[in-house]
Amino acid sequence: MLPDVALLYGIAAAPGFERLPAYAVRPYNVLHSPAVPAVLLTLAAVTRSRRTAVAGLGWLGHIAVDRAFGYGPRRPDGLRY
């Protein structure tokens, strides 16, 4: 659910479901980047934290499911690519 915080952040002011407001595009794209769970997984490997590993894998799975259903990164105008 954490990757969709940016979506929830911008949905109240969104002109429609297809377009996010400009202020929510960057947080949405950052939270839906595989780099964020990669950092969590690296941290999990270094600290041997099972909870961090589960969080990283869950986050990566969330991104994969979003991409499978066509919800990838957003363009600067808020629409999907």
Protein backbone atom coordinates (compact mmCIF):
# COMPACT_ATOMS: atom_id res chain seq x y z
CA MET A 1 0.00 0.00 0.00
CA LEU A 2 2.89 2.38 0.67
CA PRO A 3 3.73 2.87 -3.03
CA ASP A 4 0.19 4.14 -3.61
CA VAL A 5 0.47 6.91 -1.01
CA ALA A 6 1.33 9.35 -3.80
CA LEU A 7 -1.70 8.21 -5.77
CA LEU A 8 -3.93 8.81 -2.74
CA TYR A 9 -2.15 12.12 -2.15
CA GLY A 10 -3.09 13.39 -5.59
CA ILE A 11 -6.41 11.70 -6.23
CA ALA A 12 -8.51 14.27 -4.35
CA ALA A 13 -7.40 17.04 -6.73
CA ALA A 14 -7.22 14.86 -9.82
CA PRO A 15 -9.35 15.99 -12.76
CA GLY A 16 -10.07 12.32 -13.48
CA PHE A 17 -8.79 8.86 -12.62
CA GLU A 18 -6.49 8.78 -15.64
CA ARG A 19 -4.61 11.99 -14.79
CA LEU A 20 -2.73 12.80 -11.61
CA PRO A 21 -2.11 16.41 -10.62
CA ALA A 22 1.41 17.64 -11.41
CA TYR A 23 2.44 17.79 -7.74
CA ALA A 24 1.74 14.05 -7.29
CA VAL A 25 3.52 12.78 -10.42
CA ARG A 26 7.09 12.83 -9.08
CA PRO A 27 6.27 11.09 -5.76
CA TYR A 28 4.21 8.51 -7.64
CA ASN A 29 7.03 7.80 -10.10
CA VAL A 30 9.66 7.59 -7.35
CA LEU A 31 7.56 5.23 -5.22
CA HIS A 32 6.88 3.04 -8.27
CA SER A 33 10.53 2.82 -9.24
CA PRO A 34 12.29 -0.52 -8.69
CA ALA A 35 15.16 1.43 -7.12
CA VAL A 36 13.27 1.89 -3.85
CA PRO A 37 12.71 -1.83 -3.16
CA ALA A 38 16.26 -2.51 -4.39
CA VAL A 39 17.55 -0.26 -1.59
CA LEU A 40 15.36 -2.12 0.90
CA LEU A 41 16.61 -5.49 -0.33
CA THR A 42 20.24 -4.32 -0.14
CA LEU A 43 19.64 -3.04 3.38
CA ALA A 44 18.05 -6.38 4.27
CA ALA A 45 21.06 -8.28 2.96
CA VAL A 46 23.49 -6.09 4.91
CA THR A 47 21.54 -6.16 8.17
CA ARG A 48 20.14 -9.68 7.71
CA SER A 49 16.69 -8.32 8.45
CA ARG A 50 13.92 -10.65 7.36
CA ARG A 51 11.25 -7.96 7.83
CA THR A 52 13.09 -5.53 5.57
CA ALA A 53 13.49 -8.27 2.96
CA VAL A 54 9.76 -9.04 3.08
CA ALA A 55 8.97 -5.32 2.76
CA GLY A 56 11.30 -4.99 -0.24
CA LEU A 57 9.88 -8.07 -1.95
CA GLY A 58 6.32 -6.95 -1.25
CA TRP A 59 7.05 -3.51 -2.65
CA LEU A 60 8.66 -5.02 -5.75
CA GLY A 61 5.66 -7.34 -6.17
CA HIS A 62 3.30 -4.38 -5.92
CA ILE A 63 5.20 -2.56 -8.66
CA ALA A 64 5.16 -5.68 -10.85
CA VAL A 65 1.40 -6.10 -10.47
CA ASP A 66 0.82 -2.41 -11.24
CA ARG A 67 2.94 -2.69 -14.38
CA ALA A 68 1.15 -5.89 -15.42
CA PHE A 69 -2.16 -4.03 -15.32
CA GLY A 70 -0.77 -1.03 -17.21
CA TYR A 71 -0.13 1.32 -14.30
CA GLY A 72 3.47 2.28 -14.97
CA PRO A 73 5.24 5.59 -14.55
CA ARG A 74 3.35 8.79 -15.27
CA ARG A 75 4.27 11.54 -17.71
CA PRO A 76 4.91 15.05 -16.33
CA ASP A 77 1.33 16.01 -17.26
CA GLY A 78 -0.01 13.21 -15.04
CA LEU A 79 -1.13 10.78 -17.76
CA ARG A 80 0.21 7.26 -18.20
CA TYR A 81 2.88 6.65 -20.82
